[in-house]
Amino acid sequence: MQRREFIAGLGSAAMVPTLSVAQQPGTPVIGILTLGSRESRRDMLAAFSRGLRSAGYVEGRTVTIEYRGAEGRGDGLPTLAAELVQRQVTVIVATGTLAVLTAKAATSTIPIVFALGADPVKFGLVASLNQPGGNATGVSFLVNSMMSKQFEILHLTVPKTALVGFLVNPINPNTDADTADVMAAAASLEHKVLVVRAGTEREIDEAVKTLVRERADALLVHNDPFFLLRREQIVALTAYQAIPAMYAFRDFTAVGGLMSYGTDLADAYRVAGEYSGRILKGEKPADLPVVQSTKFELVINLKTAKALGVTIPETLLATADEVIQ
């Protein structure tokens, strides 16, 4: 399914039967809509729960949470969003651009709290950051605007790179704009970029084979919920093929990826939890300014660097927020 066709069809999702969930009468329900599985979001959900608790809500006691994860299948999001709408949840929390666009297309009345790495104004989710004006607000960690910085760090780590691979998901709405940014960053450093696309587990395998065949010297992995879901596969493949790779989130370096530079996802989810609690207490999304995450972190896996034969510059080690030995 092409990305534009997918987005165009978001508003036409068919309703499905309501799922029955045991809860106390009058207990508000938060629906979580995301591309990933619950297990893959375990740490993020813990941060979300901390935010909820700071607003006075505890899952299973004063609030019920219903999780809807598409297990990496973008075309499954509209049906899941329809379930939450028909369930008449009190708030929908959507993470990732596709999930947020899906939720917005599914309802104009249920409050939506988003956590995404793109500009919500650009995608028409809010009228402005200070005055959202509709049924959606949340936190934007703008990781997509950091592609050039990630490319620069990768260049400093592997300075003799001639060809850099850029792994993207074709259904990600940010792909085209971010590819242009990466191309511009590469041109300024006199590098060439090979864009490889993957939206399934098998396509990730094929993409890495293409990088090996074309003799790519390094890899930049796009910020995409599906790649986050498949992080262990991607890290294992790049390690096996000895390809130095840069990622957007520390979740990759935690499982053996070389390095990551981007926002503190846990902090973004915590803010989303706080906003959800405030909405449960009666505040309106239209009146809650979009929070822009300002916590960014450089994480380096020194053990992986040694295995790859990569020498991390002392300047990067000195500025890293975390070095995994």
C-alpha atoms as a PDB file:
ATOM      1  CA  MET A   1       0.000   0.000   0.000  1.00  0.00           C
ATOM      2  CA  GLN A   2       1.411   3.394  -0.974  1.00  0.00           C
ATOM      3  CA  ARG A   3       1.817   6.016   1.727  1.00  0.00           C
ATOM      4  CA  ARG A   4      -0.484   8.585   0.091  1.00  0.00           C
ATOM      5  CA  GLU A   5      -3.180   5.976  -0.496  1.00  0.00           C
ATOM      6  CA  PHE A   6      -2.925   4.891   3.125  1.00  0.00           C
ATOM      7  CA  ILE A   7      -3.297   8.413   4.487  1.00  0.00           C
ATOM      8  CA  ALA A   8      -6.181   9.158   2.140  1.00  0.00           C
ATOM      9  CA  GLY A   9      -8.028   6.119   3.415  1.00  0.00           C
ATOM     10  CA  LEU A  10      -7.633   6.823   7.108  1.00  0.00           C
ATOM     11  CA  GLY A  11     -11.019   8.456   7.473  1.00  0.00           C
ATOM     12  CA  SER A  12     -12.961   5.575   5.979  1.00  0.00           C
ATOM     13  CA  ALA A  13     -12.172   2.894   8.536  1.00  0.00           C
ATOM     14  CA  ALA A  14     -15.127   0.619   9.285  1.00  0.00           C
ATOM     15  CA  MET A  15     -16.340   0.329  12.859  1.00  0.00           C
ATOM     16  CA  VAL A  16     -15.914  -2.981  14.646  1.00  0.00           C
ATOM     17  CA  PRO A  17     -17.712  -4.521  17.639  1.00  0.00           C
ATOM     18  CA  THR A  18     -16.870  -3.053  21.031  1.00  0.00           C
ATOM     19  CA  LEU A  19     -14.463  -5.060  23.196  1.00  0.00           C
ATOM     20  CA  SER A  20     -15.759  -5.762  26.671  1.00  0.00           C
ATOM     21  CA  VAL A  21     -13.362  -4.806  29.467  1.00  0.00           C
ATOM     22  CA  ALA A  22     -14.034  -5.155  33.167  1.00  0.00           C
ATOM     23  CA  GLN A  23     -13.797  -1.833  34.973  1.00  0.00           C
ATOM     24  CA  GLN A  24     -15.360   0.097  37.812  1.00  0.00           C
ATOM     25  CA  PRO A  25     -18.455   2.123  36.872  1.00  0.00           C
ATOM     26  CA  GLY A  26     -17.491   5.690  36.020  1.00  0.00           C
ATOM     27  CA  THR A  27     -13.786   4.906  35.633  1.00  0.00           C
ATOM     28  CA  PRO A  28     -12.314   6.855  32.697  1.00  0.00           C
ATOM     29  CA  VAL A  29     -10.729   4.860  29.880  1.00  0.00           C
ATOM     30  CA  ILE A  30      -7.561   5.823  28.020  1.00  0.00           C
ATOM     31  CA  GLY A  31      -7.026   4.182  24.648  1.00  0.00           C
ATOM     32  CA  ILE A  32      -3.433   3.897  23.426  1.00  0.00           C
ATOM     33  CA  LEU A  33      -2.933   3.645  19.663  1.00  0.00           C
ATOM     34  CA  THR A  34       0.504   2.797  18.285  1.00  0.00           C
ATOM     35  CA  LEU A  35       2.241   0.896  15.539  1.00  0.00           C
ATOM     36  CA  GLY A  36       4.267  -1.194  17.981  1.00  0.00           C
ATOM     37  CA  SER A  37       3.420  -4.036  20.318  1.00  0.00           C
ATOM     38  CA  ARG A  38       2.818  -3.545  24.025  1.00  0.00           C
ATOM     39  CA  GLU A  39       5.978  -5.461  24.864  1.00  0.00           C
ATOM     40  CA  SER A  40       8.093  -3.245  22.617  1.00  0.00           C
ATOM     41  CA  ARG A  41       6.704  -0.176  24.405  1.00  0.00           C
ATOM     42  CA  ARG A  42       7.125  -1.495  27.946  1.00  0.00           C
ATOM     43  CA  ASP A  43       9.601   1.153  29.118  1.00  0.00           C
ATOM     44  CA  MET A  44       7.672   3.942  27.420  1.00  0.00           C
ATOM     45  CA  LEU A  45       4.402   2.809  28.994  1.00  0.00           C
ATOM     46  CA  ALA A  46       6.072   2.810  32.400  1.00  0.00           C
ATOM     47  CA  ALA A  47       7.056   6.441  31.812  1.00  0.00           C
ATOM     48  CA  PHE A  48       3.501   7.223  30.669  1.00  0.00           C
ATOM     49  CA  SER A  49       2.164   5.680  33.886  1.00  0.00           C
ATOM     50  CA  ARG A  50       4.504   7.867  35.931  1.00  0.00           C
ATOM     51  CA  GLY A  51       3.076  10.921  34.220  1.00  0.00           C
ATOM     52  CA  LEU A  52      -0.453   9.730  34.921  1.00  0.00           C
ATOM     53  CA  ARG A  53       0.355   9.162  38.579  1.00  0.00           C
ATOM     54  CA  SER A  54       1.712  12.682  38.898  1.00  0.00           C
ATOM     55  CA  ALA A  55      -1.736  13.845  37.802  1.00  0.00           C
ATOM     56  CA  GLY A  56      -3.416  11.593  40.369  1.00  0.00           C
ATOM     57  CA  TYR A  57      -4.389   8.571  38.231  1.00  0.00           C
ATOM     58  CA  VAL A  58      -3.354   4.954  38.726  1.00  0.00           C
ATOM     59  CA  GLU A  59      -4.026   2.273  36.118  1.00  0.00           C
ATOM     60  CA  GLY A  60      -6.408  -0.398  37.372  1.00  0.00           C
ATOM     61  CA  ARG A  61      -7.667   1.818  40.202  1.00  0.00           C
ATOM     62  CA  THR A  62      -8.724   5.222  38.977  1.00  0.00           C
ATOM     63  CA  VAL A  63      -8.242   4.772  35.236  1.00  0.00           C
ATOM     64  CA  THR A  64      -8.443   1.919  32.728  1.00  0.00           C
ATOM     65  CA  ILE A  65      -5.997   1.669  29.824  1.00  0.00           C
ATOM     66  CA  GLU A  66      -6.786  -0.173  26.612  1.00  0.00           C
ATOM     67  CA  TYR A  67      -3.790  -0.795  24.360  1.00  0.00           C
ATOM     68  CA  ARG A  68      -4.110  -1.141  20.593  1.00  0.00           C
ATOM     69  CA  GLY A  69      -0.844  -1.983  18.816  1.00  0.00           C
ATOM     70  CA  ALA A  70      -0.693  -2.693  15.088  1.00  0.00           C
ATOM     71  CA  GLU A  71       2.353  -4.980  15.444  1.00  0.00           C
ATOM     72  CA  GLY A  72       4.183  -3.025  12.767  1.00  0.00           C
ATOM     73  CA  ARG A  73       1.352  -3.079  10.203  1.00  0.00           C
ATOM     74  CA  GLY A  74       0.376   0.459   9.285  1.00  0.00           C
ATOM     75  CA  ASP A  75      -2.717  -0.683   7.414  1.00  0.00           C
ATOM     76  CA  GLY A  76      -4.080  -2.135  10.660  1.00  0.00           C
ATOM     77  CA  LEU A  77      -4.194   1.226  12.456  1.00  0.00           C
ATOM     78  CA  PRO A  78      -7.584   2.473  11.114  1.00  0.00           C
ATOM     79  CA  THR A  79      -9.437  -0.579  12.445  1.00  0.00           C
ATOM     80  CA  LEU A  80      -7.770  -0.251  15.841  1.00  0.00           C
ATOM     81  CA  ALA A  81      -8.638   3.445  15.988  1.00  0.00           C
ATOM     82  CA  ALA A  82     -12.229   2.588  15.118  1.00  0.00           C
ATOM     83  CA  GLU A  83     -12.320   0.146  18.043  1.00  0.00           C
ATOM     84  CA  LEU A  84     -11.279   2.861  20.463  1.00  0.00           C
ATOM     85  CA  VAL A  85     -13.801   5.327  19.060  1.00  0.00           C
ATOM     86  CA  GLN A  86     -16.644   2.829  19.304  1.00  0.00           C
ATOM     87  CA  ARG A  87     -15.428   1.907  22.781  1.00  0.00           C
ATOM     88  CA  GLN A  88     -16.025   5.595  23.618  1.00  0.00           C
ATOM     89  CA  VAL A  89     -12.727   5.973  25.421  1.00  0.00           C
ATOM     90  CA  THR A  90     -12.227   9.197  27.337  1.00  0.00           C
ATOM     91  CA  VAL A  91      -8.868  10.016  25.760  1.00  0.00           C
ATOM     92  CA  ILE A  92      -6.856   8.539  22.877  1.00  0.00           C
ATOM     93  CA  VAL A  93      -3.087   8.575  23.261  1.00  0.00           C
ATOM     94  CA  ALA A  94      -1.431   8.132  19.864  1.00  0.00           C
ATOM     95  CA  THR A  95       2.296   7.687  19.282  1.00  0.00           C
ATOM     96  CA  GLY A  96       4.072   8.019  15.960  1.00  0.00           C
ATOM     97  CA  THR A  97       2.945  10.141  13.012  1.00  0.00           C
ATOM     98  CA  LEU A  98       0.845   7.467  11.297  1.00  0.00           C
ATOM     99  CA  ALA A  99      -0.983   6.549  14.487  1.00  0.00           C
ATOM    100  CA  VAL A 100      -1.652  10.204  15.282  1.00  0.00           C
ATOM    101  CA  LEU A 101      -2.969  10.905  11.783  1.00  0.00           C
ATOM    102  CA  THR A 102      -5.158   7.807  12.067  1.00  0.00           C
ATOM    103  CA  ALA A 103      -6.598   8.880  15.417  1.00  0.00           C
ATOM    104  CA  LYS A 104      -7.260  12.385  14.130  1.00  0.00           C
ATOM    105  CA  ALA A 105      -9.066  11.002  11.087  1.00  0.00           C
ATOM    106  CA  ALA A 106     -11.144   8.675  13.285  1.00  0.00           C
ATOM    107  CA  THR A 107     -12.564  11.321  15.648  1.00  0.00           C
ATOM    108  CA  SER A 108     -12.924  15.064  15.932  1.00  0.00           C
ATOM    109  CA  THR A 109     -14.526  14.929  19.390  1.00  0.00           C
ATOM    110  CA  ILE A 110     -12.543  12.508  21.586  1.00  0.00           C
ATOM    111  CA  PRO A 111      -9.478  14.281  23.042  1.00  0.00           C
ATOM    112  CA  ILE A 112      -6.200  13.081  21.526  1.00  0.00           C
ATOM    113  CA  VAL A 113      -2.822  13.293  23.242  1.00  0.00           C
ATOM    114  CA  PHE A 114       0.048  12.647  20.860  1.00  0.00           C
ATOM    115  CA  ALA A 115       3.745  11.890  21.150  1.00  0.00           C
ATOM    116  CA  LEU A 116       5.469  12.224  17.800  1.00  0.00           C
ATOM    117  CA  GLY A 117       8.769  13.190  16.273  1.00  0.00           C
ATOM    118  CA  ALA A 118       7.346  15.499  13.614  1.00  0.00           C
ATOM    119  CA  ASP A 119       5.884  18.997  13.418  1.00  0.00           C
ATOM    120  CA  PRO A 120       2.173  18.721  14.381  1.00  0.00           C
ATOM    121  CA  VAL A 121       1.399  22.046  12.680  1.00  0.00           C
ATOM    122  CA  LYS A 122       2.839  20.827   9.384  1.00  0.00           C
ATOM    123  CA  PHE A 123       0.510  17.818   9.416  1.00  0.00           C
ATOM    124  CA  GLY A 124      -2.568  19.845  10.374  1.00  0.00           C
ATOM    125  CA  LEU A 125      -2.928  18.239  13.784  1.00  0.00           C
ATOM    126  CA  VAL A 126      -2.998  21.579  15.598  1.00  0.00           C
ATOM    127  CA  ALA A 127      -3.524  25.188  14.553  1.00  0.00           C
ATOM    128  CA  SER A 128      -0.385  26.293  16.403  1.00  0.00           C
ATOM    129  CA  LEU A 129       1.917  24.997  19.121  1.00  0.00           C
ATOM    130  CA  ASN A 130       0.723  27.538  21.692  1.00  0.00           C
ATOM    131  CA  GLN A 131      -2.977  27.294  20.821  1.00  0.00           C
ATOM    132  CA  PRO A 132      -3.778  23.861  19.351  1.00  0.00           C
ATOM    133  CA  GLY A 133      -7.415  24.841  18.859  1.00  0.00           C
ATOM    134  CA  GLY A 134      -8.899  21.388  18.253  1.00  0.00           C
ATOM    135  CA  ASN A 135      -9.195  18.008  19.936  1.00  0.00           C
ATOM    136  CA  ALA A 136      -5.469  17.183  19.845  1.00  0.00           C
ATOM    137  CA  THR A 137      -2.361  18.242  21.742  1.00  0.00           C
ATOM    138  CA  GLY A 138       0.650  16.539  23.254  1.00  0.00           C
ATOM    139  CA  VAL A 139       4.411  16.445  22.968  1.00  0.00           C
ATOM    140  CA  SER A 140       6.554  16.869  19.878  1.00  0.00           C
ATOM    141  CA  PHE A 141      10.137  15.709  20.200  1.00  0.00           C
ATOM    142  CA  LEU A 142      11.084  16.832  16.683  1.00  0.00           C
ATOM    143  CA  VAL A 143      13.600  14.031  16.221  1.00  0.00           C
ATOM    144  CA  ASN A 144      13.074  14.274  12.473  1.00  0.00           C
ATOM    145  CA  SER A 145      14.637  17.743  12.481  1.00  0.00           C
ATOM    146  CA  MET A 146      17.832  16.192  13.884  1.00  0.00           C
ATOM    147  CA  MET A 147      18.720  14.094  10.853  1.00  0.00           C
ATOM    148  CA  SER A 148      21.535  16.412   9.800  1.00  0.00           C
ATOM    149  CA  LYS A 149      23.043  16.304  13.311  1.00  0.00           C
ATOM    150  CA  GLN A 150      22.882  12.503  13.331  1.00  0.00           C
ATOM    151  CA  PHE A 151      24.577  12.457   9.935  1.00  0.00           C
ATOM    152  CA  GLU A 152      27.314  14.780  11.214  1.00  0.00           C
ATOM    153  CA  ILE A 153      28.005  12.562  14.234  1.00  0.00           C
ATOM    154  CA  LEU A 154      28.154   9.498  11.993  1.00  0.00           C
ATOM    155  CA  HIS A 155      30.619  11.339   9.749  1.00  0.00           C
ATOM    156  CA  LEU A 156      32.844  12.188  12.724  1.00  0.00           C
ATOM    157  CA  THR A 157      32.817   8.530  13.761  1.00  0.00           C
ATOM    158  CA  VAL A 158      33.456   7.094  10.302  1.00  0.00           C
ATOM    159  CA  PRO A 159      35.195  10.013   8.521  1.00  0.00           C
ATOM    160  CA  LYS A 160      36.379   8.086   5.447  1.00  0.00           C
ATOM    161  CA  THR A 161      32.834   7.097   4.540  1.00  0.00           C
ATOM    162  CA  ALA A 162      32.015   7.433   0.845  1.00  0.00           C
ATOM    163  CA  LEU A 163      28.552   5.871   0.724  1.00  0.00           C
ATOM    164  CA  VAL A 164      26.022   6.056   3.581  1.00  0.00           C
ATOM    165  CA  GLY A 165      22.853   3.982   3.613  1.00  0.00           C
ATOM    166  CA  PHE A 166      19.611   5.569   4.785  1.00  0.00           C
ATOM    167  CA  LEU A 167      16.971   3.076   5.927  1.00  0.00           C
ATOM    168  CA  VAL A 168      13.413   4.395   5.623  1.00  0.00           C
ATOM    169  CA  ASN A 169       9.881   3.062   5.859  1.00  0.00           C
ATOM    170  CA  PRO A 170       7.956   4.062   2.692  1.00  0.00           C
ATOM    171  CA  ILE A 171       4.648   4.551   4.546  1.00  0.00           C
ATOM    172  CA  ASN A 172       6.133   6.971   7.072  1.00  0.00           C
ATOM    173  CA  PRO A 173       4.695  10.433   6.267  1.00  0.00           C
ATOM    174  CA  ASN A 174       8.039  12.050   7.139  1.00  0.00           C
ATOM    175  CA  THR A 175      10.120   9.958   4.743  1.00  0.00           C
ATOM    176  CA  ASP A 176      10.268  12.304   1.747  1.00  0.00           C
ATOM    177  CA  ALA A 177      11.111  15.461   3.708  1.00  0.00           C
ATOM    178  CA  ASP A 178      13.685  13.718   5.895  1.00  0.00           C
ATOM    179  CA  THR A 179      15.337  12.059   2.906  1.00  0.00           C
ATOM    180  CA  ALA A 180      15.799  15.518   1.390  1.00  0.00           C
ATOM    181  CA  ASP A 181      17.414  16.712   4.642  1.00  0.00           C
ATOM    182  CA  VAL A 182      19.783  13.740   4.694  1.00  0.00           C
ATOM    183  CA  MET A 183      20.721  14.293   1.059  1.00  0.00           C
ATOM    184  CA  ALA A 184      21.548  17.929   1.825  1.00  0.00           C
ATOM    185  CA  ALA A 185      23.643  16.963   4.853  1.00  0.00           C
ATOM    186  CA  ALA A 186      25.494  14.335   2.828  1.00  0.00           C
ATOM    187  CA  ALA A 187      26.224  16.779   0.017  1.00  0.00           C
ATOM    188  CA  SER A 188      27.773  19.260   2.447  1.00  0.00           C
ATOM    189  CA  LEU A 189      30.146  16.531   3.648  1.00  0.00           C
ATOM    190  CA  GLU A 190      30.784  15.186   0.128  1.00  0.00           C
ATOM    191  CA  HIS A 191      29.141  11.834   0.838  1.00  0.00           C
ATOM    192  CA  LYS A 192      26.741   9.862  -1.305  1.00  0.00           C
ATOM    193  CA  VAL A 193      23.518   8.394   0.099  1.00  0.00           C
ATOM    194  CA  LEU A 194      21.847   5.119  -0.803  1.00  0.00           C
ATOM    195  CA  VAL A 195      18.201   5.107   0.285  1.00  0.00           C
ATOM    196  CA  VAL A 196      16.906   1.636   1.116  1.00  0.00           C
ATOM    197  CA  ARG A 197      13.246   1.047   1.981  1.00  0.00           C
ATOM    198  CA  ALA A 198      11.645  -1.483   4.288  1.00  0.00           C
ATOM    199  CA  GLY A 199       8.170  -1.900   5.739  1.00  0.00           C
ATOM    200  CA  THR A 200       8.320  -5.572   6.686  1.00  0.00           C
ATOM    201  CA  GLU A 201      10.716  -7.898   8.474  1.00  0.00           C
ATOM    202  CA  ARG A 202      11.765  -9.493   5.192  1.00  0.00           C
ATOM    203  CA  GLU A 203      12.320  -6.115   3.551  1.00  0.00           C
ATOM    204  CA  ILE A 204      14.693  -5.153   6.358  1.00  0.00           C
ATOM    205  CA  ASP A 205      16.759  -8.250   5.528  1.00  0.00           C
ATOM    206  CA  GLU A 206      16.755  -7.314   1.849  1.00  0.00           C
ATOM    207  CA  ALA A 207      17.664  -3.701   2.590  1.00  0.00           C
ATOM    208  CA  VAL A 208      20.767  -4.736   4.532  1.00  0.00           C
ATOM    209  CA  LYS A 209      21.751  -7.123   1.733  1.00  0.00           C
ATOM    210  CA  THR A 210      21.521  -4.196  -0.663  1.00  0.00           C
ATOM    211  CA  LEU A 211      23.793  -2.120   1.563  1.00  0.00           C
ATOM    212  CA  VAL A 212      26.371  -4.915   1.578  1.00  0.00           C
ATOM    213  CA  ARG A 213      26.121  -5.419  -2.176  1.00  0.00           C
ATOM    214  CA  GLU A 214      26.582  -1.703  -2.838  1.00  0.00           C
ATOM    215  CA  ARG A 215      29.447  -1.502  -0.315  1.00  0.00           C
ATOM    216  CA  ALA A 216      27.872   1.091   1.967  1.00  0.00           C
ATOM    217  CA  ASP A 217      30.331   2.226   4.640  1.00  0.00           C
ATOM    218  CA  ALA A 218      27.764   3.228   7.273  1.00  0.00           C
ATOM    219  CA  LEU A 219      24.032   3.384   7.928  1.00  0.00           C
ATOM    220  CA  LEU A 220      21.610   5.989   9.224  1.00  0.00           C
ATOM    221  CA  VAL A 221      18.290   4.543  10.407  1.00  0.00           C
ATOM    222  CA  HIS A 222      15.238   6.771  10.098  1.00  0.00           C
ATOM    223  CA  ASN A 223      13.051   7.511  13.098  1.00  0.00           C
ATOM    224  CA  ASP A 224      10.175   5.105  12.512  1.00  0.00           C
ATOM    225  CA  PRO A 225       7.970   3.141  14.961  1.00  0.00           C
ATOM    226  CA  PHE A 226       8.313  -0.029  12.890  1.00  0.00           C
ATOM    227  CA  PHE A 227      12.108   0.121  13.047  1.00  0.00           C
ATOM    228  CA  LEU A 228      11.895   0.664  16.796  1.00  0.00           C
ATOM    229  CA  LEU A 229       9.747  -2.469  16.974  1.00  0.00           C
ATOM    230  CA  ARG A 230      12.321  -4.382  14.904  1.00  0.00           C
ATOM    231  CA  ARG A 231      15.390  -2.882  16.605  1.00  0.00           C
ATOM    232  CA  GLU A 232      16.925  -6.204  17.635  1.00  0.00           C
ATOM    233  CA  GLN A 233      16.727  -7.493  14.056  1.00  0.00           C
ATOM    234  CA  ILE A 234      18.293  -4.337  12.624  1.00  0.00           C
ATOM    235  CA  VAL A 235      21.066  -4.214  15.224  1.00  0.00           C
ATOM    236  CA  ALA A 236      21.870  -7.911  14.733  1.00  0.00           C
ATOM    237  CA  LEU A 237      22.065  -7.524  10.945  1.00  0.00           C
ATOM    238  CA  THR A 238      24.296  -4.461  11.066  1.00  0.00           C
ATOM    239  CA  ALA A 239      26.571  -6.178  13.587  1.00  0.00           C
ATOM    240  CA  TYR A 240      26.825  -9.318  11.456  1.00  0.00           C
ATOM    241  CA  GLN A 241      27.661  -7.269   8.363  1.00  0.00           C
ATOM    242  CA  ALA A 242      29.980  -4.942  10.355  1.00  0.00           C
ATOM    243  CA  ILE A 243      28.115  -1.801   9.320  1.00  0.00           C
ATOM    244  CA  PRO A 244      28.471   1.168  11.719  1.00  0.00           C
ATOM    245  CA  ALA A 245      24.975   2.568  12.267  1.00  0.00           C
ATOM    246  CA  MET A 246      23.404   5.660  13.812  1.00  0.00           C
ATOM    247  CA  TYR A 247      19.933   5.499  15.357  1.00  0.00           C
ATOM    248  CA  ALA A 248      17.421   8.005  16.702  1.00  0.00           C
ATOM    249  CA  PHE A 249      16.785   6.393  20.105  1.00  0.00           C
ATOM    250  CA  ARG A 250      18.842   4.817  22.883  1.00  0.00           C
ATOM    251  CA  ASP A 251      16.605   1.734  22.657  1.00  0.00           C
ATOM    252  CA  PHE A 252      18.833   0.655  19.747  1.00  0.00           C
ATOM    253  CA  THR A 253      22.128   1.188  21.564  1.00  0.00           C
ATOM    254  CA  ALA A 254      20.723  -0.609  24.600  1.00  0.00           C
ATOM    255  CA  VAL A 255      20.426  -3.802  22.511  1.00  0.00           C
ATOM    256  CA  GLY A 256      23.843  -3.434  20.881  1.00  0.00           C
ATOM    257  CA  GLY A 257      23.532  -0.614  18.354  1.00  0.00           C
ATOM    258  CA  LEU A 258      26.624   1.540  17.852  1.00  0.00           C
ATOM    259  CA  MET A 259      25.227   4.979  18.677  1.00  0.00           C
ATOM    260  CA  SER A 260      22.066   7.044  18.917  1.00  0.00           C
ATOM    261  CA  TYR A 261      21.265  10.711  19.050  1.00  0.00           C
ATOM    262  CA  GLY A 262      17.782  11.988  19.705  1.00  0.00           C
ATOM    263  CA  THR A 263      15.194  12.823  22.273  1.00  0.00           C
ATOM    264  CA  ASP A 264      14.641  11.158  25.611  1.00  0.00           C
ATOM    265  CA  LEU A 265      11.569   9.114  24.625  1.00  0.00           C
ATOM    266  CA  ALA A 266      10.720   8.190  28.194  1.00  0.00           C
ATOM    267  CA  ASP A 267      10.477  11.862  29.126  1.00  0.00           C
ATOM    268  CA  ALA A 268       8.184  12.517  26.156  1.00  0.00           C
ATOM    269  CA  TYR A 269       5.875   9.682  27.209  1.00  0.00           C
ATOM    270  CA  ARG A 270       5.872  10.975  30.782  1.00  0.00           C
ATOM    271  CA  VAL A 271       4.649  14.345  29.530  1.00  0.00           C
ATOM    272  CA  ALA A 272       1.965  12.580  27.482  1.00  0.00           C
ATOM    273  CA  GLY A 273       0.843  10.878  30.692  1.00  0.00           C
ATOM    274  CA  GLU A 274       0.654  14.187  32.536  1.00  0.00           C
ATOM    275  CA  TYR A 275      -1.391  15.750  29.741  1.00  0.00           C
ATOM    276  CA  SER A 276      -3.743  12.772  29.682  1.00  0.00           C
ATOM    277  CA  GLY A 277      -4.339  13.199  33.409  1.00  0.00           C
ATOM    278  CA  ARG A 278      -5.030  16.902  33.023  1.00  0.00           C
ATOM    279  CA  ILE A 279      -7.576  16.189  30.299  1.00  0.00           C
ATOM    280  CA  LEU A 280      -9.236  13.564  32.500  1.00  0.00           C
ATOM    281  CA  LYS A 281      -9.602  16.296  35.103  1.00  0.00           C
ATOM    282  CA  GLY A 282     -11.478  18.494  32.647  1.00  0.00           C
ATOM    283  CA  GLU A 283      -8.920  20.556  30.747  1.00  0.00           C
ATOM    284  CA  LYS A 284      -9.374  20.784  26.978  1.00  0.00           C
ATOM    285  CA  PRO A 285      -6.729  19.857  24.375  1.00  0.00           C
ATOM    286  CA  ALA A 286      -7.414  23.139  22.583  1.00  0.00           C
ATOM    287  CA  ASP A 287      -6.112  25.024  25.638  1.00  0.00           C
ATOM    288  CA  LEU A 288      -3.013  22.907  26.335  1.00  0.00           C
ATOM    289  CA  PRO A 289       0.076  24.072  24.385  1.00  0.00           C
ATOM    290  CA  VAL A 290       2.068  21.443  22.550  1.00  0.00           C
ATOM    291  CA  VAL A 291       5.167  20.616  24.588  1.00  0.00           C
ATOM    292  CA  GLN A 292       8.418  20.574  22.644  1.00  0.00           C
ATOM    293  CA  SER A 293      10.910  18.142  24.120  1.00  0.00           C
ATOM    294  CA  THR A 294      14.249  19.719  24.940  1.00  0.00           C
ATOM    295  CA  LYS A 295      15.984  16.647  26.369  1.00  0.00           C
ATOM    296  CA  PHE A 296      18.315  15.157  23.768  1.00  0.00           C
ATOM    297  CA  GLU A 297      20.889  12.493  24.395  1.00  0.00           C
ATOM    298  CA  LEU A 298      23.913  11.012  22.664  1.00  0.00           C
ATOM    299  CA  VAL A 299      24.428   7.376  23.620  1.00  0.00           C
ATOM    300  CA  ILE A 300      27.475   5.401  22.482  1.00  0.00           C
ATOM    301  CA  ASN A 301      27.957   1.653  22.800  1.00  0.00           C
ATOM    302  CA  LEU A 302      31.714   1.322  23.238  1.00  0.00           C
ATOM    303  CA  LYS A 303      31.568  -2.469  23.266  1.00  0.00           C
ATOM    304  CA  THR A 304      29.956  -2.451  19.823  1.00  0.00           C
ATOM    305  CA  ALA A 305      32.470   0.113  18.570  1.00  0.00           C
ATOM    306  CA  LYS A 306      35.353  -2.173  19.555  1.00  0.00           C
ATOM    307  CA  ALA A 307      33.686  -5.155  17.883  1.00  0.00           C
ATOM    308  CA  LEU A 308      33.289  -3.140  14.673  1.00  0.00           C
ATOM    309  CA  GLY A 309      36.836  -1.804  14.832  1.00  0.00           C
ATOM    310  CA  VAL A 310      35.505   1.758  15.059  1.00  0.00           C
ATOM    311  CA  THR A 311      37.407   4.339  17.082  1.00  0.00           C
ATOM    312  CA  ILE A 312      35.044   6.830  18.701  1.00  0.00           C
ATOM    313  CA  PRO A 313      36.550  10.337  18.752  1.00  0.00           C
ATOM    314  CA  GLU A 314      37.401  11.600  22.224  1.00  0.00           C
ATOM    315  CA  THR A 315      35.296  14.706  21.588  1.00  0.00           C
ATOM    316  CA  LEU A 316      32.198  12.546  21.161  1.00  0.00           C
ATOM    317  CA  LEU A 317      32.997  10.393  24.194  1.00  0.00           C
ATOM    318  CA  ALA A 318      33.419  13.526  26.268  1.00  0.00           C
ATOM    319  CA  THR A 319      30.048  14.930  25.210  1.00  0.00           C
ATOM    320  CA  ALA A 320      28.087  11.671  25.298  1.00  0.00           C
ATOM    321  CA  ASP A 321      25.239  11.488  27.789  1.00  0.00           C
ATOM    322  CA  GLU A 322      25.833   7.774  28.227  1.00  0.00           C
ATOM    323  CA  VAL A 323      28.620   5.403  27.229  1.00  0.00           C
ATOM    324  CA  ILE A 324      27.749   1.718  27.317  1.00  0.00           C
ATOM    325  CA  GLN A 325      30.874  -0.303  28.124  1.00  0.00           C
END
